[in-house]
């Protein structure tokens, strides 16, 4: 699978598989943003941390995603306040802003070169959605004193997008976007520098006991605490939490490098872009002026045989002027969604911590998750508990029957997008 991110990233360090027995304070399973951030924040607090990865660092969604770093959660803030009350809603909002700031601070503190850019735009693909976008902005400005956001009426859309496909937009000036794999590799190097031990190609087969003994095919780690940071790749490792998430596959293409004139005409402010479809389109310009465009999902184990052909029609609905533009790369990855699209955090038996279900909002939220779990393991539980206490339901039918139910639901919403 041909990923632009892999092709445009410098060589990264590799790590041997676990071989033998070790003892640590913390064992982490999964070397994506959650695992890397957890490892880094815990190591900075003086813990001995071992990180186990079944494949290679950032193999999953952390090395393949759209690179958007947005404010808020993947649920409308008004809905959050209605469901959970004003106090919890304000805590979640403030943590979402801190999550974006945490990404910026890590990039600055560890000198991570990851094509960091500023601003995000959310576009209404139906006229009826414009009022909702305006109301959301007014709500955030009045109730949360958040003024880094602006509504763009249709007569001004040319200021932010070279397309006639949309009717209005929110321009969030506090959001970011970046090269996700370069960012992950930067976190990796920072974690290693902080003393974290990493093993790749070390799939965890089981764990048990207190202290917990974590076993791979060739070794084991004994640790006081275990962090499950597997997200859409958890599979059968922990049945108690697996049913709360649904792994889905999402796909991205990258064009050939575009001229400055063309790229500026597509995204005049060089912001990250996403639209209001249930199965969203999302896109941005890379550091070398390619259009990185994500659009389309599937809900089975395999990927389409022709990812470029699968995604390109979605891009051309937004930018028909790119019909003759070459598509250089097409790739996919697996993420995890929850029923309410809020992350699913929690603790099992007192010393097993899980953080997953970012529902497409993973760059900031997973990074911040590592900060939160480090706080909690160090004895300051309050903020982690706010996240862990959010109501979260299991997918109907359990892990066996959730797939057909999800497919039926997604097909329904995809049909609504087209009407």
Protein backbone atom coordinates (compact mmCIF):
# COMPACT_ATOMS: atom_id res chain seq x y z
CA UNK A 1 0.00 0.00 0.00
CA UNK A 2 1.47 3.28 -1.21
CA UNK A 3 1.41 5.92 1.57
CA UNK A 4 2.57 9.48 0.95
CA UNK A 5 3.38 9.77 4.63
CA UNK A 6 5.80 6.85 4.55
CA UNK A 7 7.40 8.09 1.33
CA UNK A 8 7.89 11.61 2.69
CA UNK A 9 9.19 10.74 6.16
CA UNK A 10 12.88 10.41 7.01
CA UNK A 11 14.25 7.06 8.09
CA UNK A 12 13.07 6.16 11.56
CA UNK A 13 14.69 3.91 14.15
CA UNK A 14 13.65 0.26 14.35
CA UNK A 15 13.43 -1.86 17.48
CA UNK A 16 13.98 -5.55 18.11
CA UNK A 17 11.22 -7.87 19.37
CA UNK A 18 10.93 -8.65 23.05
CA UNK A 19 13.08 -11.66 23.95
CA UNK A 20 13.05 -12.79 27.56
CA UNK A 21 11.64 -11.38 30.77
CA UNK A 22 11.70 -7.80 32.07
CA UNK A 23 10.22 -5.83 34.96
CA UNK A 24 8.82 -2.31 34.60
CA UNK A 25 6.60 0.14 36.40
CA UNK A 26 4.34 0.53 33.37
CA UNK A 27 3.78 -1.70 30.34
CA UNK A 28 2.01 -0.14 27.36
CA UNK A 29 0.48 -2.08 24.48
CA UNK A 30 0.36 -0.15 21.21
CA UNK A 31 2.82 2.41 19.82
CA UNK A 32 0.48 4.94 18.25
CA UNK A 33 -0.19 8.43 19.61
CA UNK A 34 -1.83 7.09 22.79
CA UNK A 35 1.01 4.72 23.61
CA UNK A 36 3.80 7.10 22.65
CA UNK A 37 2.29 10.04 24.53
CA UNK A 38 1.58 7.89 27.59
CA UNK A 39 5.13 6.55 27.55
CA UNK A 40 6.65 10.00 27.18
CA UNK A 41 4.57 11.63 29.90
CA UNK A 42 5.12 8.76 32.32
CA UNK A 43 8.86 8.60 31.66
CA UNK A 44 9.09 12.33 32.35
CA UNK A 45 7.51 11.60 35.74
CA UNK A 46 10.23 9.06 36.50
CA UNK A 47 8.48 5.78 35.72
CA UNK A 48 10.23 2.86 34.04
CA UNK A 49 8.16 2.24 30.91
CA UNK A 50 8.18 -0.60 28.39
CA UNK A 51 6.18 -0.18 25.19
CA UNK A 52 5.14 -3.23 23.12
CA UNK A 53 4.03 -2.89 19.48
CA UNK A 54 2.64 -5.77 17.41
CA UNK A 55 3.91 -4.27 14.14
CA UNK A 56 6.04 -1.12 13.94
CA UNK A 57 5.68 2.25 15.64
CA UNK A 58 2.73 4.23 14.18
CA UNK A 59 1.76 1.28 12.00
CA UNK A 60 -1.95 1.98 12.56
CA UNK A 61 -4.05 5.13 12.30
CA UNK A 62 -1.34 7.29 13.88
CA UNK A 63 0.80 6.92 10.77
CA UNK A 64 -2.02 7.10 8.21
CA UNK A 65 -4.64 9.69 9.24
CA UNK A 66 -5.61 13.06 7.78
CA UNK A 67 -3.43 15.03 10.18
CA UNK A 68 -6.21 17.33 11.45
CA UNK A 69 -5.85 18.68 14.99
CA UNK A 70 -9.26 20.14 15.81
CA UNK A 71 -10.79 21.76 18.88
CA UNK A 72 -13.77 20.24 20.64
CA UNK A 73 -14.93 16.63 20.69
CA UNK A 74 -16.55 14.62 17.92
CA UNK A 75 -19.96 15.59 19.30
CA UNK A 76 -21.58 18.99 19.02
CA UNK A 77 -20.81 21.06 22.14
CA UNK A 78 -24.46 21.97 22.61
CA UNK A 79 -25.33 18.26 22.61
CA UNK A 80 -22.58 17.59 25.14
CA UNK A 81 -23.98 20.25 27.46
CA UNK A 82 -27.54 18.94 27.10
CA UNK A 83 -26.49 15.35 27.79
CA UNK A 84 -23.93 15.78 30.54
CA UNK A 85 -24.58 19.19 32.09
CA UNK A 86 -22.72 22.46 31.94
CA UNK A 87 -19.93 21.59 34.38
CA UNK A 88 -18.87 18.42 32.56
CA UNK A 89 -19.30 20.12 29.18
CA UNK A 90 -16.98 22.95 30.19
CA UNK A 91 -14.41 20.49 31.48
CA UNK A 92 -14.50 18.56 28.21
CA UNK A 93 -14.23 21.76 26.16
CA UNK A 94 -11.28 23.02 28.18
CA UNK A 95 -9.54 19.66 27.86
CA UNK A 96 -10.08 19.72 24.10
CA UNK A 97 -8.35 23.10 23.88
CA UNK A 98 -5.56 21.81 26.10
CA UNK A 99 -5.24 18.79 23.80
CA UNK A 100 -4.48 21.06 20.84
CA UNK A 101 -2.07 23.07 22.99
CA UNK A 102 -0.39 19.83 24.13
CA UNK A 103 0.29 18.89 20.51
CA UNK A 104 1.82 22.33 19.90
CA UNK A 105 3.91 22.14 23.07
CA UNK A 106 5.27 18.69 22.27
CA UNK A 107 6.21 19.83 18.77
CA UNK A 108 7.96 22.88 20.18
CA UNK A 109 9.61 21.20 23.18
CA UNK A 110 11.01 18.31 21.13
CA UNK A 111 11.70 20.19 17.91
CA UNK A 112 9.43 17.94 15.82
CA UNK A 113 9.49 18.83 12.13
CA UNK A 114 5.99 17.80 10.99
CA UNK A 115 4.76 20.48 8.55
CA UNK A 116 2.68 22.19 11.23
CA UNK A 117 0.06 24.63 9.89
CA UNK A 118 -2.85 26.52 11.42
CA UNK A 119 -6.61 26.72 10.98
CA UNK A 120 -9.48 24.37 10.22
CA UNK A 121 -12.64 24.86 8.19
CA UNK A 122 -15.93 22.94 8.57
CA UNK A 123 -18.14 23.23 5.49
CA UNK A 124 -21.92 22.83 5.13
CA UNK A 125 -22.73 20.57 2.17
CA UNK A 126 -26.47 21.38 2.46
CA UNK A 127 -28.08 24.83 2.81
CA UNK A 128 -30.02 23.68 5.86
CA UNK A 129 -26.83 23.06 7.82
CA UNK A 130 -25.72 26.69 7.66
CA UNK A 131 -28.01 27.80 10.46
CA UNK A 132 -26.62 25.05 12.69
CA UNK A 133 -23.05 26.20 12.04
CA UNK A 134 -23.97 29.80 12.88
CA UNK A 135 -25.75 28.72 16.05
CA UNK A 136 -22.77 26.62 17.13
CA UNK A 137 -20.46 29.60 16.76
CA UNK A 138 -22.77 31.90 18.72
CA UNK A 139 -23.04 29.26 21.46
CA UNK A 140 -19.27 28.83 21.76
CA UNK A 141 -18.68 32.56 21.79
CA UNK A 142 -21.33 33.28 24.40
CA UNK A 143 -21.06 30.25 26.70
CA UNK A 144 -17.37 29.38 26.34
CA UNK A 145 -15.81 32.72 25.46
CA UNK A 146 -14.28 31.07 22.39
CA UNK A 147 -13.72 33.77 19.81
CA UNK A 148 -11.15 32.07 17.55
CA UNK A 149 -13.97 31.00 15.25
CA UNK A 150 -15.82 32.80 12.47
CA UNK A 151 -18.81 32.06 10.25
CA UNK A 152 -18.20 32.42 6.52
CA UNK A 153 -21.32 33.08 4.45
CA UNK A 154 -21.61 31.63 0.98
CA UNK A 155 -20.80 34.98 -0.64
CA UNK A 156 -17.39 34.85 1.11
CA UNK A 157 -16.54 31.18 0.59
CA UNK A 158 -14.07 31.98 -2.18
CA UNK A 159 -11.88 33.41 0.58
CA UNK A 160 -11.35 29.92 1.98
CA UNK A 161 -12.16 27.37 -0.75
CA UNK A 162 -12.00 27.19 -4.53
CA UNK A 163 -15.19 25.15 -4.90
CA UNK A 164 -18.89 25.73 -5.45
CA UNK A 165 -19.90 22.57 -3.58
CA UNK A 166 -20.69 24.22 -0.23
CA UNK A 167 -23.05 26.79 1.29
CA UNK A 168 -21.35 28.14 4.39
CA UNK A 169 -18.51 27.36 6.78
CA UNK A 170 -16.99 27.63 10.22
CA UNK A 171 -13.40 28.84 10.24
CA UNK A 172 -11.71 27.65 13.45
CA UNK A 173 -8.47 29.57 13.79
CA UNK A 174 -7.35 27.61 16.87
CA UNK A 175 -7.16 24.27 15.05
CA UNK A 176 -3.99 22.86 13.49
CA UNK A 177 -2.93 20.35 10.89
CA UNK A 178 0.30 18.43 10.38
CA UNK A 179 2.11 15.45 8.85
CA UNK A 180 0.86 12.67 11.17
CA UNK A 181 3.69 10.19 10.68
CA UNK A 182 6.43 12.78 11.16
CA UNK A 183 4.64 13.85 14.34
CA UNK A 184 4.47 10.23 15.58
CA UNK A 185 8.16 9.70 14.85
CA UNK A 186 8.91 12.89 16.78
CA UNK A 187 7.03 11.52 19.78
CA UNK A 188 8.92 8.25 19.40
CA UNK A 189 12.31 9.95 19.51
CA UNK A 190 11.24 12.04 22.51
CA UNK A 191 10.07 8.91 24.34
CA UNK A 192 13.34 7.09 23.67
CA UNK A 193 15.30 10.11 24.84
CA UNK A 194 13.22 10.07 28.03
CA UNK A 195 14.26 6.47 28.70
CA UNK A 196 11.33 4.45 27.32
CA UNK A 197 12.14 0.90 26.17
CA UNK A 198 10.37 -0.08 22.94
CA UNK A 199 9.89 -3.49 21.33
CA UNK A 200 8.42 -3.87 17.85
CA UNK A 201 6.97 -7.04 16.29
CA UNK A 202 5.95 -8.05 19.81
CA UNK A 203 2.25 -8.88 19.69
CA UNK A 204 0.74 -9.34 23.13
CA UNK A 205 -0.96 -12.70 23.47
CA UNK A 206 -2.32 -12.42 27.00
CA UNK A 207 -1.97 -10.71 30.34
CA UNK A 208 -3.02 -11.58 33.89
CA UNK A 209 -2.40 -11.01 37.56
CA UNK A 210 -1.48 -8.21 39.94
CA UNK A 211 1.21 -7.11 39.28
CA UNK A 212 0.28 -7.78 35.68
CA UNK A 213 2.28 -10.24 33.59
CA UNK A 214 2.11 -9.38 29.87
CA UNK A 215 3.10 -12.21 27.53
CA UNK A 216 4.26 -12.23 23.91
CA UNK A 217 5.42 -15.22 21.87
CA UNK A 218 9.03 -14.68 22.96
CA UNK A 219 8.93 -12.97 26.32
CA UNK A 220 7.02 -11.30 29.11
CA UNK A 221 6.89 -8.03 31.01
CA UNK A 222 5.89 -7.83 34.68
CA UNK A 223 4.53 -4.38 35.57
CA UNK A 224 2.54 -2.58 38.23
CA UNK A 225 0.21 -1.01 35.66
CA UNK A 226 -0.80 -1.86 32.09
CA UNK A 227 -2.08 0.61 29.49
CA UNK A 228 -4.05 -0.74 26.54
CA UNK A 229 -3.47 1.72 23.70
CA UNK A 230 -4.54 -0.44 20.76
CA UNK A 231 -7.61 1.50 19.52
CA UNK A 232 -8.97 -0.17 16.36
CA UNK A 233 -6.45 -3.01 16.65
CA UNK A 234 -7.51 -4.32 20.08
CA UNK A 235 -9.31 -7.34 18.54
CA UNK A 236 -9.72 -10.08 21.15
CA UNK A 237 -7.06 -8.95 23.60
CA UNK A 238 -9.58 -7.53 26.08
CA UNK A 239 -13.21 -8.63 25.55
CA UNK A 240 -14.43 -6.39 28.39
CA UNK A 241 -13.81 -3.28 26.27
CA UNK A 242 -13.78 -4.55 22.69
CA UNK A 243 -17.55 -4.26 22.28
CA UNK A 244 -17.51 -0.53 23.01
CA UNK A 245 -15.71 0.30 19.78
CA UNK A 246 -16.20 -0.45 16.09
CA UNK A 247 -13.09 -0.68 13.88
CA UNK A 248 -13.69 0.95 10.50
CA UNK A 249 -11.41 1.58 7.53
CA UNK A 250 -10.92 5.00 6.00
CA UNK A 251 -9.03 5.93 2.83
CA UNK A 252 -6.85 8.80 1.61
CA UNK A 253 -5.18 9.86 -1.63
CA UNK A 254 -2.39 12.33 -2.38
CA UNK A 255 -2.07 14.17 -5.67
CA UNK A 256 1.08 15.04 -7.48
CA UNK A 257 2.73 18.29 -6.25
CA UNK A 258 0.65 21.29 -7.30
CA UNK A 259 1.84 24.68 -8.40
CA UNK A 260 1.57 27.52 -5.89
CA UNK A 261 -1.13 29.08 -8.04
CA UNK A 262 -3.26 25.92 -8.13
CA UNK A 263 -2.83 25.03 -4.45
CA UNK A 264 -3.71 28.56 -3.35
CA UNK A 265 -6.80 28.50 -5.55
CA UNK A 266 -7.98 25.29 -3.85
CA UNK A 267 -7.35 26.29 -0.20
CA UNK A 268 -6.52 30.02 -0.07
CA UNK A 269 -5.78 30.07 3.70
CA UNK A 270 -3.88 26.74 3.70
CA UNK A 271 -6.25 25.38 6.35
CA UNK A 272 -7.44 21.87 7.06
CA UNK A 273 -10.86 21.25 5.50
CA UNK A 274 -13.76 18.92 6.31
CA UNK A 275 -17.41 18.86 5.39
CA UNK A 276 -20.68 18.09 7.13
CA UNK A 277 -21.35 14.67 5.60
CA UNK A 278 -21.85 11.79 8.01
CA UNK A 279 -19.10 9.97 6.10
CA UNK A 280 -17.01 13.09 5.85
CA UNK A 281 -14.62 14.30 3.23
CA UNK A 282 -11.49 15.88 4.71
CA UNK A 283 -8.47 17.39 3.05
CA UNK A 284 -5.49 19.72 3.30
CA UNK A 285 -2.29 20.68 1.51
CA UNK A 286 0.90 18.86 2.38
CA UNK A 287 4.21 20.53 3.08
CA UNK A 288 5.19 20.00 -0.57
CA UNK A 289 1.87 21.28 -1.97
CA UNK A 290 0.04 18.05 -2.66
CA UNK A 291 -3.67 17.79 -1.96
CA UNK A 292 -4.18 15.13 0.73
CA UNK A 293 -7.83 14.08 0.41
CA UNK A 294 -9.69 11.57 2.58
CA UNK A 295 -13.11 10.28 1.65
CA UNK A 296 -14.89 6.95 1.80
CA UNK A 297 -14.96 4.11 4.30
CA UNK A 298 -15.66 0.43 4.49
CA UNK A 299 -16.60 -1.82 7.38
CA UNK A 300 -14.96 -5.14 6.54
CA UNK A 301 -11.51 -6.60 7.02
CA UNK A 302 -10.09 -5.80 3.59
CA UNK A 303 -9.36 -2.58 1.72
CA UNK A 304 -10.58 -1.76 -1.81
CA UNK A 305 -8.30 -3.14 -4.51
CA UNK A 306 -8.05 0.33 -6.07
CA UNK A 307 -7.95 2.91 -3.28
CA UNK A 308 -7.09 5.75 -5.67
CA UNK A 309 -10.16 4.97 -7.75
CA UNK A 310 -12.26 4.59 -4.61
CA UNK A 311 -11.45 8.05 -3.21
CA UNK A 312 -10.86 10.18 -6.32
CA UNK A 313 -14.59 10.59 -7.21
CA UNK A 314 -15.18 12.20 -3.82
CA UNK A 315 -12.34 14.64 -4.46
CA UNK A 316 -13.69 15.53 -7.91
CA UNK A 317 -17.11 16.37 -6.48
CA UNK A 318 -15.35 19.08 -4.49
CA UNK A 319 -12.70 20.02 -7.04
CA UNK A 320 -13.77 19.03 -10.56
CA UNK A 321 -10.91 21.19 -11.86
CA UNK A 322 -8.51 18.44 -10.71
CA UNK A 323 -9.86 15.88 -13.18
CA UNK A 324 -6.53 15.71 -15.03
CA UNK A 325 -4.37 15.85 -11.90
CA UNK A 326 -2.30 12.75 -11.24
CA UNK A 327 -2.94 10.78 -8.06
CA UNK A 328 0.44 9.61 -6.76
CA UNK A 329 -0.57 7.76 -3.60
CA UNK A 330 -3.56 5.94 -2.15
CA UNK A 331 -3.70 4.23 1.25
CA UNK A 332 -6.01 3.30 4.08
CA UNK A 333 -6.05 2.66 7.80
CA UNK A 334 -8.20 1.39 10.62
CA UNK A 335 -9.66 3.63 13.29
CA UNK A 336 -12.19 2.99 16.05
CA UNK A 337 -15.51 4.74 16.60
CA UNK A 338 -17.86 4.59 19.57
CA UNK A 339 -21.65 4.76 19.56
CA UNK A 340 -21.71 8.36 20.83
CA UNK A 341 -18.46 9.34 19.05
CA UNK A 342 -16.82 10.29 22.36
CA UNK A 343 -13.65 8.47 23.44
CA UNK A 344 -13.96 5.45 25.72
CA UNK A 345 -11.56 5.61 28.69
CA UNK A 346 -11.55 3.49 31.80
CA UNK A 347 -9.86 1.14 34.22
CA UNK A 348 -10.16 -2.59 34.84
CA UNK A 349 -9.20 -4.22 38.15
CA UNK A 350 -7.54 -1.03 39.34
CA UNK A 351 -4.35 -1.29 37.28
CA UNK A 352 -5.43 -1.93 33.66
CA UNK A 353 -6.03 1.36 31.86
CA UNK A 354 -7.69 1.65 28.44
CA UNK A 355 -7.93 4.65 26.12
CA UNK A 356 -9.50 4.28 22.69
CA UNK A 357 -12.46 5.09 20.44
CA UNK A 358 -11.34 8.52 19.20
CA UNK A 359 -13.85 8.42 16.33
CA UNK A 360 -11.75 10.38 13.86
CA UNK A 361 -10.50 12.94 16.38
CA UNK A 362 -7.39 11.06 17.35
CA UNK A 363 -4.42 13.35 16.82
CA UNK A 364 -5.21 15.76 19.67
CA UNK A 365 -7.36 13.46 21.81
CA UNK A 366 -4.99 10.47 21.77
CA UNK A 367 -2.03 12.74 22.51
CA UNK A 368 -3.91 14.24 25.44
CA UNK A 369 -5.01 10.79 26.60
CA UNK A 370 -1.37 10.00 27.31
CA UNK A 371 -1.09 13.11 29.44
CA UNK A 372 -4.28 12.23 31.34
CA UNK A 373 -3.35 8.63 32.10
CA UNK A 374 0.08 9.74 33.32
CA UNK A 375 -1.67 12.16 35.68
CA UNK A 376 -4.00 9.42 36.91
CA UNK A 377 -1.29 6.80 37.49
CA UNK A 378 0.62 9.45 39.42
CA UNK A 379 -2.37 9.85 41.75
CA UNK A 380 -4.31 12.75 40.26
CA UNK A 381 -7.45 11.05 38.94
CA UNK A 382 -9.94 13.88 38.58
CA UNK A 383 -9.62 14.68 34.90
CA UNK A 384 -9.21 11.08 33.80
CA UNK A 385 -12.34 10.21 35.76
CA UNK A 386 -14.36 12.87 33.95
CA UNK A 387 -13.56 11.11 30.69
CA UNK A 388 -13.97 7.62 32.13
CA UNK A 389 -17.39 8.46 33.59
CA UNK A 390 -18.90 9.53 30.28
CA UNK A 391 -21.74 7.10 29.48
CA UNK A 392 -20.72 4.74 26.68
CA UNK A 393 -22.79 1.92 25.23
CA UNK A 394 -21.79 -1.36 23.68
CA UNK A 395 -22.53 -1.89 20.02
CA UNK A 396 -25.67 -4.00 19.64
CA UNK A 397 -24.94 -7.62 18.85
CA UNK A 398 -21.52 -7.63 20.47
CA UNK A 399 -18.33 -8.11 18.50
CA UNK A 400 -19.91 -10.76 16.26
CA UNK A 401 -23.02 -8.93 15.05
CA UNK A 402 -21.94 -5.28 15.34
CA UNK A 403 -20.56 -5.32 11.79
CA UNK A 404 -23.86 -5.84 9.90
CA UNK A 405 -25.62 -3.36 12.17
CA UNK A 406 -22.92 -0.76 11.58
CA UNK A 407 -23.02 -1.31 7.82
CA UNK A 408 -26.79 -0.83 7.75
CA UNK A 409 -26.53 2.35 9.79
CA UNK A 410 -23.70 3.82 7.75
CA UNK A 411 -25.48 3.05 4.48
CA UNK A 412 -28.54 4.89 5.79
CA UNK A 413 -26.52 8.00 6.68
CA UNK A 414 -24.59 7.82 3.42
CA UNK A 415 -27.92 7.85 1.59
CA UNK A 416 -29.00 10.90 3.64
CA UNK A 417 -25.77 12.64 2.62
CA UNK A 418 -26.72 12.21 -1.05
CA UNK A 419 -30.33 13.38 -0.71
